[in-house]
C-alpha atoms as a PDB file:
ATOM      1  CA  UNK A   1      25.498  -0.391  83.808  1.00  0.00           C
ATOM      2  CA  UNK A   2      22.638  -2.509  83.138  1.00  0.00           C
ATOM      3  CA  UNK A   3      21.474  -2.900  79.576  1.00  0.00           C
ATOM      4  CA  UNK A   4      17.889  -1.721  80.222  1.00  0.00           C
ATOM      5  CA  UNK A   5      18.892   1.598  82.313  1.00  0.00           C
ATOM      6  CA  UNK A   6      21.453   2.576  79.329  1.00  0.00           C
ATOM      7  CA  UNK A   7      20.369   5.742  77.984  1.00  0.00           C
ATOM      8  CA  UNK A   8      21.578   4.682  74.687  1.00  0.00           C
ATOM      9  CA  UNK A   9      19.339   1.582  74.989  1.00  0.00           C
ATOM     10  CA  UNK A  10      16.296   3.670  76.526  1.00  0.00           C
ATOM     11  CA  UNK A  11      16.633   6.278  73.515  1.00  0.00           C
ATOM     12  CA  UNK A  12      16.715   3.590  71.189  1.00  0.00           C
ATOM     13  CA  UNK A  13      20.032   4.823  69.678  1.00  0.00           C
ATOM     14  CA  UNK A  14      21.380   1.118  70.282  1.00  0.00           C
ATOM     15  CA  UNK A  15      18.878  -0.436  68.032  1.00  0.00           C
ATOM     16  CA  UNK A  16      18.201   2.378  65.466  1.00  0.00           C
ATOM     17  CA  UNK A  17      21.675   3.236  65.115  1.00  0.00           C
ATOM     18  CA  UNK A  18      24.111   1.064  67.070  1.00  0.00           C
ATOM     19  CA  UNK A  19      24.405  -2.370  67.934  1.00  0.00           C
ATOM     20  CA  UNK A  20      25.078  -3.033  71.854  1.00  0.00           C
ATOM     21  CA  UNK A  21      29.100  -2.404  72.744  1.00  0.00           C
ATOM     22  CA  UNK A  22      31.177  -2.223  75.814  1.00  0.00           C
ATOM     23  CA  UNK A  23      32.538   0.957  76.170  1.00  0.00           C
ATOM     24  CA  UNK A  24      36.104   1.103  76.534  1.00  0.00           C
ATOM     25  CA  UNK A  25      37.217   4.778  75.836  1.00  0.00           C
ATOM     26  CA  UNK A  26      36.143   7.991  76.753  1.00  0.00           C
ATOM     27  CA  UNK A  27      34.574  10.552  74.683  1.00  0.00           C
ATOM     28  CA  UNK A  28      33.808  14.317  75.645  1.00  0.00           C
ATOM     29  CA  UNK A  29      31.401  16.608  73.044  1.00  0.00           C
ATOM     30  CA  UNK A  30      31.790  19.946  73.891  1.00  0.00           C
ATOM     31  CA  UNK A  31      29.584  22.853  72.363  1.00  0.00           C
ATOM     32  CA  UNK A  32      31.056  26.108  73.469  1.00  0.00           C
ATOM     33  CA  UNK A  33      31.388  25.411  77.291  1.00  0.00           C
ATOM     34  CA  UNK A  34      28.528  22.754  77.203  1.00  0.00           C
ATOM     35  CA  UNK A  35      29.455  19.175  77.416  1.00  0.00           C
ATOM     36  CA  UNK A  36      26.810  16.724  76.022  1.00  0.00           C
ATOM     37  CA  UNK A  37      25.281  14.251  78.050  1.00  0.00           C
ATOM     38  CA  UNK A  38      23.086  11.537  76.833  1.00  0.00           C
ATOM     39  CA  UNK A  39      19.683  12.779  76.290  1.00  0.00           C
ATOM     40  CA  UNK A  40      20.301  16.581  77.216  1.00  0.00           C
ATOM     41  CA  UNK A  41      18.756  18.955  74.746  1.00  0.00           C
ATOM     42  CA  UNK A  42      20.508  21.463  72.764  1.00  0.00           C
ATOM     43  CA  UNK A  43      19.008  23.948  70.755  1.00  0.00           C
ATOM     44  CA  UNK A  44      19.927  24.420  67.079  1.00  0.00           C
ATOM     45  CA  UNK A  45      21.681  27.843  67.713  1.00  0.00           C
ATOM     46  CA  UNK A  46      23.752  26.086  70.420  1.00  0.00           C
ATOM     47  CA  UNK A  47      25.238  23.568  67.804  1.00  0.00           C
ATOM     48  CA  UNK A  48      25.796  25.834  65.036  1.00  0.00           C
ATOM     49  CA  UNK A  49      29.927  25.464  65.319  1.00  0.00           C
ATOM     50  CA  UNK A  50      31.378  22.204  65.377  1.00  0.00           C
ATOM     51  CA  UNK A  51      31.991  20.842  68.629  1.00  0.00           C
ATOM     52  CA  UNK A  52      35.318  20.039  70.520  1.00  0.00           C
ATOM     53  CA  UNK A  53      35.679  16.618  70.884  1.00  0.00           C
ATOM     54  CA  UNK A  54      38.199  14.821  73.182  1.00  0.00           C
ATOM     55  CA  UNK A  55      39.296  11.062  72.764  1.00  0.00           C
ATOM     56  CA  UNK A  56      40.077   9.635  76.012  1.00  0.00           C
ATOM     57  CA  UNK A  57      43.338   7.460  76.624  1.00  0.00           C
ATOM     58  CA  UNK A  58      47.301   8.412  75.942  1.00  0.00           C
ATOM     59  CA  UNK A  59      48.610   6.032  73.153  1.00  0.00           C
ATOM     60  CA  UNK A  60      49.002   8.330  70.041  1.00  0.00           C
ATOM     61  CA  UNK A  61      49.745   5.159  68.052  1.00  0.00           C
ATOM     62  CA  UNK A  62      45.688   3.861  68.684  1.00  0.00           C
ATOM     63  CA  UNK A  63      43.684   5.589  65.921  1.00  0.00           C
ATOM     64  CA  UNK A  64      39.277   6.302  65.512  1.00  0.00           C
ATOM     65  CA  UNK A  65      36.867   7.343  63.421  1.00  0.00           C
ATOM     66  CA  UNK A  66      34.209   9.680  64.752  1.00  0.00           C
ATOM     67  CA  UNK A  67      30.583   9.687  63.244  1.00  0.00           C
ATOM     68  CA  UNK A  68      27.888  12.253  63.869  1.00  0.00           C
ATOM     69  CA  UNK A  69      24.601  11.179  62.493  1.00  0.00           C
ATOM     70  CA  UNK A  70      20.491  11.822  62.797  1.00  0.00           C
ATOM     71  CA  UNK A  71      18.340   8.792  62.666  1.00  0.00           C
ATOM     72  CA  UNK A  72      15.299  10.974  62.903  1.00  0.00           C
ATOM     73  CA  UNK A  73      15.727  12.905  59.725  1.00  0.00           C
ATOM     74  CA  UNK A  74      13.618  14.457  58.409  1.00  0.00           C
ATOM     75  CA  UNK A  75      10.850  13.476  61.229  1.00  0.00           C
ATOM     76  CA  UNK A  76      10.851  11.070  64.011  1.00  0.00           C
ATOM     77  CA  UNK A  77       7.786   9.903  62.970  1.00  0.00           C
ATOM     78  CA  UNK A  78       8.920   9.216  59.283  1.00  0.00           C
ATOM     79  CA  UNK A  79      12.719   9.086  59.298  1.00  0.00           C
ATOM     80  CA  UNK A  80      13.065   8.090  55.559  1.00  0.00           C
ATOM     81  CA  UNK A  81      16.122   9.821  55.263  1.00  0.00           C
ATOM     82  CA  UNK A  82      17.703   8.076  58.299  1.00  0.00           C
ATOM     83  CA  UNK A  83      20.665   8.021  59.164  1.00  0.00           C
ATOM     84  CA  UNK A  84      21.543  11.637  58.200  1.00  0.00           C
ATOM     85  CA  UNK A  85      25.434  12.017  58.031  1.00  0.00           C
ATOM     86  CA  UNK A  86      26.545  15.520  60.027  1.00  0.00           C
ATOM     87  CA  UNK A  87      30.226  14.808  60.541  1.00  0.00           C
ATOM     88  CA  UNK A  88      32.889  12.460  59.613  1.00  0.00           C
ATOM     89  CA  UNK A  89      36.422  12.569  61.035  1.00  0.00           C
ATOM     90  CA  UNK A  90      38.783   9.445  60.771  1.00  0.00           C
ATOM     91  CA  UNK A  91      42.617   8.868  61.869  1.00  0.00           C
ATOM     92  CA  UNK A  92      41.838  10.502  65.053  1.00  0.00           C
ATOM     93  CA  UNK A  93      45.000   9.682  67.483  1.00  0.00           C
ATOM     94  CA  UNK A  94      43.924   8.519  71.095  1.00  0.00           C
ATOM     95  CA  UNK A  95      44.132  11.279  73.936  1.00  0.00           C
ATOM     96  CA  UNK A  96      43.556  13.991  71.433  1.00  0.00           C
ATOM     97  CA  UNK A  97      41.045  15.828  69.720  1.00  0.00           C
ATOM     98  CA  UNK A  98      39.142  15.672  66.157  1.00  0.00           C
ATOM     99  CA  UNK A  99      41.204  18.814  65.172  1.00  0.00           C
ATOM    100  CA  UNK A 100      44.142  16.151  64.792  1.00  0.00           C
ATOM    101  CA  UNK A 101      42.209  13.777  62.746  1.00  0.00           C
ATOM    102  CA  UNK A 102      41.027  13.898  58.971  1.00  0.00           C
ATOM    103  CA  UNK A 103      37.768  15.377  58.370  1.00  0.00           C
ATOM    104  CA  UNK A 104      36.081  13.319  55.516  1.00  0.00           C
ATOM    105  CA  UNK A 105      32.639  14.902  55.685  1.00  0.00           C
ATOM    106  CA  UNK A 106      32.384  18.521  57.257  1.00  0.00           C
ATOM    107  CA  UNK A 107      30.570  19.179  60.056  1.00  0.00           C
ATOM    108  CA  UNK A 108      26.937  20.341  59.382  1.00  0.00           C
ATOM    109  CA  UNK A 109      24.894  21.642  62.300  1.00  0.00           C
ATOM    110  CA  UNK A 110      21.433  20.127  63.054  1.00  0.00           C
ATOM    111  CA  UNK A 111      18.528  22.017  62.054  1.00  0.00           C
ATOM    112  CA  UNK A 112      15.464  19.933  62.944  1.00  0.00           C
ATOM    113  CA  UNK A 113      12.062  21.186  61.756  1.00  0.00           C
ATOM    114  CA  UNK A 114       9.698  18.701  62.867  1.00  0.00           C
ATOM    115  CA  UNK A 115       9.842  16.763  66.115  1.00  0.00           C
ATOM    116  CA  UNK A 116      12.634  15.611  68.574  1.00  0.00           C
ATOM    117  CA  UNK A 117      16.011  14.491  66.743  1.00  0.00           C
ATOM    118  CA  UNK A 118      18.472  12.477  68.508  1.00  0.00           C
ATOM    119  CA  UNK A 119      22.134  13.441  67.412  1.00  0.00           C
ATOM    120  CA  UNK A 120      24.594  10.684  67.911  1.00  0.00           C
ATOM    121  CA  UNK A 121      28.075  10.748  67.925  1.00  0.00           C
ATOM    122  CA  UNK A 122      29.494   7.227  67.826  1.00  0.00           C
ATOM    123  CA  UNK A 123      33.386   6.587  67.944  1.00  0.00           C
ATOM    124  CA  UNK A 124      35.181   3.669  66.337  1.00  0.00           C
ATOM    125  CA  UNK A 125      38.483   2.304  66.614  1.00  0.00           C
ATOM    126  CA  UNK A 126      40.711   1.466  63.816  1.00  0.00           C
ATOM    127  CA  UNK A 127      42.959  -1.389  63.203  1.00  0.00           C
ATOM    128  CA  UNK A 128      45.689   1.258  61.821  1.00  0.00           C
ATOM    129  CA  UNK A 129      45.475   4.458  59.749  1.00  0.00           C
ATOM    130  CA  UNK A 130      43.099   4.116  57.153  1.00  0.00           C
ATOM    131  CA  UNK A 131      41.523   5.821  53.875  1.00  0.00           C
ATOM    132  CA  UNK A 132      38.000   6.127  53.798  1.00  0.00           C
ATOM    133  CA  UNK A 133      36.103   7.873  51.063  1.00  0.00           C
ATOM    134  CA  UNK A 134      33.288  10.322  51.465  1.00  0.00           C
ATOM    135  CA  UNK A 135      29.928   8.675  50.851  1.00  0.00           C
ATOM    136  CA  UNK A 136      28.209  10.735  47.981  1.00  0.00           C
ATOM    137  CA  UNK A 137      25.722  12.227  49.983  1.00  0.00           C
ATOM    138  CA  UNK A 138      24.732  12.589  53.609  1.00  0.00           C
ATOM    139  CA  UNK A 139      21.471  10.919  53.907  1.00  0.00           C
ATOM    140  CA  UNK A 140      20.477   7.381  54.188  1.00  0.00           C
ATOM    141  CA  UNK A 141      24.003   6.635  55.719  1.00  0.00           C
ATOM    142  CA  UNK A 142      24.028   3.610  57.657  1.00  0.00           C
ATOM    143  CA  UNK A 143      26.636   3.464  60.371  1.00  0.00           C
ATOM    144  CA  UNK A 144      26.517  -0.312  60.905  1.00  0.00           C
ATOM    145  CA  UNK A 145      27.259  -0.791  57.198  1.00  0.00           C
ATOM    146  CA  UNK A 146      29.914   1.986  57.081  1.00  0.00           C
ATOM    147  CA  UNK A 147      31.506   0.182  59.953  1.00  0.00           C
ATOM    148  CA  UNK A 148      31.464  -3.312  58.366  1.00  0.00           C
ATOM    149  CA  UNK A 149      32.701  -1.844  55.202  1.00  0.00           C
ATOM    150  CA  UNK A 150      35.755  -0.119  56.523  1.00  0.00           C
ATOM    151  CA  UNK A 151      36.099  -3.137  59.268  1.00  0.00           C
ATOM    152  CA  UNK A 152      35.721  -0.987  62.337  1.00  0.00           C
ATOM    153  CA  UNK A 153      33.841  -3.270  64.358  1.00  0.00           C
ATOM    154  CA  UNK A 154      31.496  -2.228  67.225  1.00  0.00           C
ATOM    155  CA  UNK A 155      31.742   1.434  68.690  1.00  0.00           C
ATOM    156  CA  UNK A 156      33.779   1.727  71.714  1.00  0.00           C
ATOM    157  CA  UNK A 157      31.902   4.960  72.647  1.00  0.00           C
ATOM    158  CA  UNK A 158      29.099   6.778  71.848  1.00  0.00           C
ATOM    159  CA  UNK A 159      27.093   9.940  73.289  1.00  0.00           C
ATOM    160  CA  UNK A 160      23.728  11.486  72.220  1.00  0.00           C
ATOM    161  CA  UNK A 161      21.715  14.680  72.886  1.00  0.00           C
ATOM    162  CA  UNK A 162      18.396  15.779  71.735  1.00  0.00           C
ATOM    163  CA  UNK A 163      17.400  18.586  69.388  1.00  0.00           C
ATOM    164  CA  UNK A 164      14.230  20.419  67.909  1.00  0.00           C
ATOM    165  CA  UNK A 165      13.229  23.416  66.130  1.00  0.00           C
ATOM    166  CA  UNK A 166      13.432  26.748  68.121  1.00  0.00           C
ATOM    167  CA  UNK A 167      10.184  28.498  68.585  1.00  0.00           C
ATOM    168  CA  UNK A 168      10.263  32.071  66.894  1.00  0.00           C
ATOM    169  CA  UNK A 169      10.813  34.893  69.402  1.00  0.00           C
ATOM    170  CA  UNK A 170       7.460  35.864  71.106  1.00  0.00           C
ATOM    171  CA  UNK A 171       5.786  32.617  70.108  1.00  0.00           C
ATOM    172  CA  UNK A 172       5.578  31.315  73.812  1.00  0.00           C
ATOM    173  CA  UNK A 173       8.014  30.049  76.438  1.00  0.00           C
ATOM    174  CA  UNK A 174      11.277  30.043  76.091  1.00  0.00           C
ATOM    175  CA  UNK A 175      13.557  27.001  75.748  1.00  0.00           C
END
């Protein structure tokens, strides 16, 4: 896909969170029965529980790290908490799910209060089994710096969805 039409480029996920990379593995992120597609809209009530994340491939010796961040926290116009870390799982064997990895930062569901937020899942291939320390806080996490610190290189896959505050019941049209 040409870079100018890549949804990760158009949405500025590449630029704000990630550098250009070549996808080399598949990733499926599924909330309940809905698979995340780049740019889809998911309400906060639909992402309360951690998703099922499936990593493609079939070589159990290859391990991955999954990072889930919100680059628009607390608001897209003033993202001074960019990037907010929602989830961090390491040592995920290829061809399996995050359930077989090691959760370093527990899942925290996105709850945007202002504007439309991009919620980004980035997958990195590890050089081998790793020990990664949990960051001291979730706000101002920088995916690029994290990847550099742990020698993860560029991502091998990424996907994102949009989320915004839900309207109160009876406060207008349904979302």
